[in-house]
């Protein structure tokens, strides 16, 4: 179960990174910032597990 979850998390992270790069080149800095916030939200479960 955890391996499948890890694969899904990595796929979603790559998609968000691609989206951030695309929005940056399109000049939509607001959407790029939202992508960065999304990446921070993806890190929350890992931070909770370590605490």
N, C-alpha and C. Protein backbone atom coordinates (compact mmCIF):
# COMPACT_ATOMS: atom_id res chain seq x y z
N UNK A 1 0.82 -1.20 0.00
CA UNK A 1 0.00 0.00 0.00
C UNK A 1 0.86 1.26 0.00
N UNK A 2 1.92 1.27 0.80
CA UNK A 2 2.75 2.47 0.87
C UNK A 2 3.55 2.67 -0.41
N UNK A 3 3.95 1.57 -1.08
CA UNK A 3 4.69 1.71 -2.33
C UNK A 3 3.81 2.33 -3.41
N UNK A 4 2.57 1.88 -3.46
CA UNK A 4 1.64 2.43 -4.44
C UNK A 4 1.39 3.91 -4.17
N UNK A 5 1.29 4.26 -2.89
CA UNK A 5 1.06 5.65 -2.51
C UNK A 5 2.27 6.51 -2.90
N UNK A 6 3.47 5.97 -2.71
CA UNK A 6 4.68 6.71 -3.05
C UNK A 6 4.76 6.97 -4.55
N UNK A 7 4.40 5.99 -5.35
CA UNK A 7 4.43 6.17 -6.80
C UNK A 7 3.44 7.24 -7.23
N UNK A 8 2.26 7.23 -6.65
CA UNK A 8 1.25 8.24 -6.98
C UNK A 8 1.71 9.62 -6.56
N UNK A 9 2.31 9.73 -5.38
CA UNK A 9 2.82 11.02 -4.92
C UNK A 9 3.91 11.56 -5.85
N UNK A 10 4.78 10.69 -6.30
CA UNK A 10 5.85 11.13 -7.21
C UNK A 10 5.29 11.58 -8.55
N UNK A 11 4.32 10.86 -9.07
CA UNK A 11 3.70 11.24 -10.34
C UNK A 11 3.03 12.61 -10.21
N UNK A 12 2.29 12.81 -9.12
CA UNK A 12 1.63 14.09 -8.91
C UNK A 12 2.63 15.22 -8.72
N UNK A 13 3.73 14.94 -8.04
CA UNK A 13 4.76 15.96 -7.84
C UNK A 13 5.39 16.36 -9.17
N UNK A 14 5.67 15.40 -10.02
CA UNK A 14 6.24 15.70 -11.33
C UNK A 14 5.26 16.52 -12.16
N UNK A 15 3.99 16.17 -12.12
CA UNK A 15 2.99 16.93 -12.86
C UNK A 15 2.88 18.37 -12.37
N UNK A 16 2.94 18.56 -11.06
CA UNK A 16 2.89 19.91 -10.51
C UNK A 16 4.13 20.69 -10.91
N UNK A 17 5.30 20.05 -10.87
CA UNK A 17 6.53 20.73 -11.28
C UNK A 17 6.47 21.17 -12.75
N UNK A 18 5.97 20.29 -13.59
CA UNK A 18 5.81 20.65 -15.01
C UNK A 18 4.85 21.82 -15.17
N UNK A 19 3.80 21.81 -14.38
CA UNK A 19 2.83 22.89 -14.44
C UNK A 19 3.44 24.21 -13.97
N UNK A 20 4.26 24.16 -12.93
CA UNK A 20 4.92 25.37 -12.44
C UNK A 20 5.83 25.96 -13.51
N UNK A 21 6.62 25.11 -14.14
CA UNK A 21 7.53 25.59 -15.19
C UNK A 21 6.74 26.19 -16.35
N UNK A 22 5.67 25.52 -16.74
CA UNK A 22 4.85 26.02 -17.85
C UNK A 22 4.23 27.37 -17.51
N UNK A 23 3.68 27.49 -16.32
CA UNK A 23 3.05 28.75 -15.93
C UNK A 23 4.07 29.87 -15.81
N UNK A 24 5.28 29.54 -15.38
CA UNK A 24 6.33 30.55 -15.28
C UNK A 24 6.68 31.09 -16.67
N UNK A 25 6.82 30.18 -17.64
CA UNK A 25 7.17 30.63 -18.99
C UNK A 25 6.02 31.35 -19.68
N UNK A 26 4.80 31.05 -19.30
CA UNK A 26 3.65 31.76 -19.85
C UNK A 26 3.45 33.13 -19.19
N UNK A 27 4.18 33.37 -18.11
CA UNK A 27 4.07 34.65 -17.43
C UNK A 27 2.97 34.69 -16.39
N UNK A 28 2.41 33.56 -16.07
CA UNK A 28 1.34 33.50 -15.07
C UNK A 28 1.97 33.15 -13.72
N UNK A 29 2.55 34.16 -13.09
CA UNK A 29 3.29 33.94 -11.86
C UNK A 29 2.37 33.58 -10.69
N UNK A 30 1.14 34.05 -10.76
CA UNK A 30 0.17 33.70 -9.71
C UNK A 30 -0.06 32.19 -9.70
N UNK A 31 -0.28 31.61 -10.86
CA UNK A 31 -0.51 30.17 -10.93
C UNK A 31 0.75 29.38 -10.59
N UNK A 32 1.91 29.91 -10.93
CA UNK A 32 3.17 29.24 -10.56
C UNK A 32 3.32 29.23 -9.04
N UNK A 33 2.95 30.33 -8.39
CA UNK A 33 3.01 30.38 -6.93
C UNK A 33 2.04 29.38 -6.31
N UNK A 34 0.86 29.25 -6.90
CA UNK A 34 -0.10 28.26 -6.40
C UNK A 34 0.46 26.84 -6.53
N UNK A 35 1.21 26.59 -7.58
CA UNK A 35 1.86 25.29 -7.73
C UNK A 35 2.90 25.05 -6.65
N UNK A 36 3.63 26.09 -6.29
CA UNK A 36 4.61 25.96 -5.22
C UNK A 36 3.91 25.67 -3.89
N UNK A 37 2.80 26.34 -3.65
CA UNK A 37 2.02 26.05 -2.44
C UNK A 37 1.50 24.62 -2.45
N UNK A 38 1.14 24.12 -3.61
CA UNK A 38 0.69 22.74 -3.72
C UNK A 38 1.81 21.77 -3.33
N UNK A 39 3.03 22.06 -3.78
CA UNK A 39 4.16 21.21 -3.40
C UNK A 39 4.39 21.24 -1.89
N UNK A 40 4.19 22.39 -1.28
CA UNK A 40 4.32 22.47 0.17
C UNK A 40 3.25 21.62 0.86
N UNK A 41 2.06 21.62 0.32
CA UNK A 41 1.00 20.79 0.89
C UNK A 41 1.30 19.31 0.71
N UNK A 42 1.97 18.95 -0.37
CA UNK A 42 2.37 17.55 -0.56
C UNK A 42 3.37 17.10 0.50
N UNK A 43 4.14 18.03 1.06
CA UNK A 43 5.14 17.69 2.05
C UNK A 43 4.57 17.56 3.46
N UNK A 44 3.37 18.05 3.69
CA UNK A 44 2.78 18.03 5.04
C UNK A 44 2.69 16.62 5.63
N UNK A 45 2.21 15.60 4.90
CA UNK A 45 2.13 14.28 5.52
C UNK A 45 3.50 13.74 5.96
N UNK A 46 4.54 14.03 5.20
CA UNK A 46 5.87 13.57 5.57
C UNK A 46 6.35 14.26 6.85
N UNK A 47 6.02 15.54 6.97
CA UNK A 47 6.42 16.27 8.17
C UNK A 47 5.65 15.78 9.39
N UNK A 48 4.40 15.41 9.20
CA UNK A 48 3.60 14.90 10.32
C UNK A 48 4.12 13.53 10.76
N UNK A 49 4.51 12.70 9.80
CA UNK A 49 5.03 11.37 10.13
C UNK A 49 6.33 11.46 10.94
N UNK A 50 7.15 12.46 10.65
CA UNK A 50 8.42 12.60 11.35
C UNK A 50 8.26 13.16 12.76
N UNK A 51 7.16 13.87 13.00
CA UNK A 51 6.96 14.50 14.32
C UNK A 51 6.49 13.50 15.35
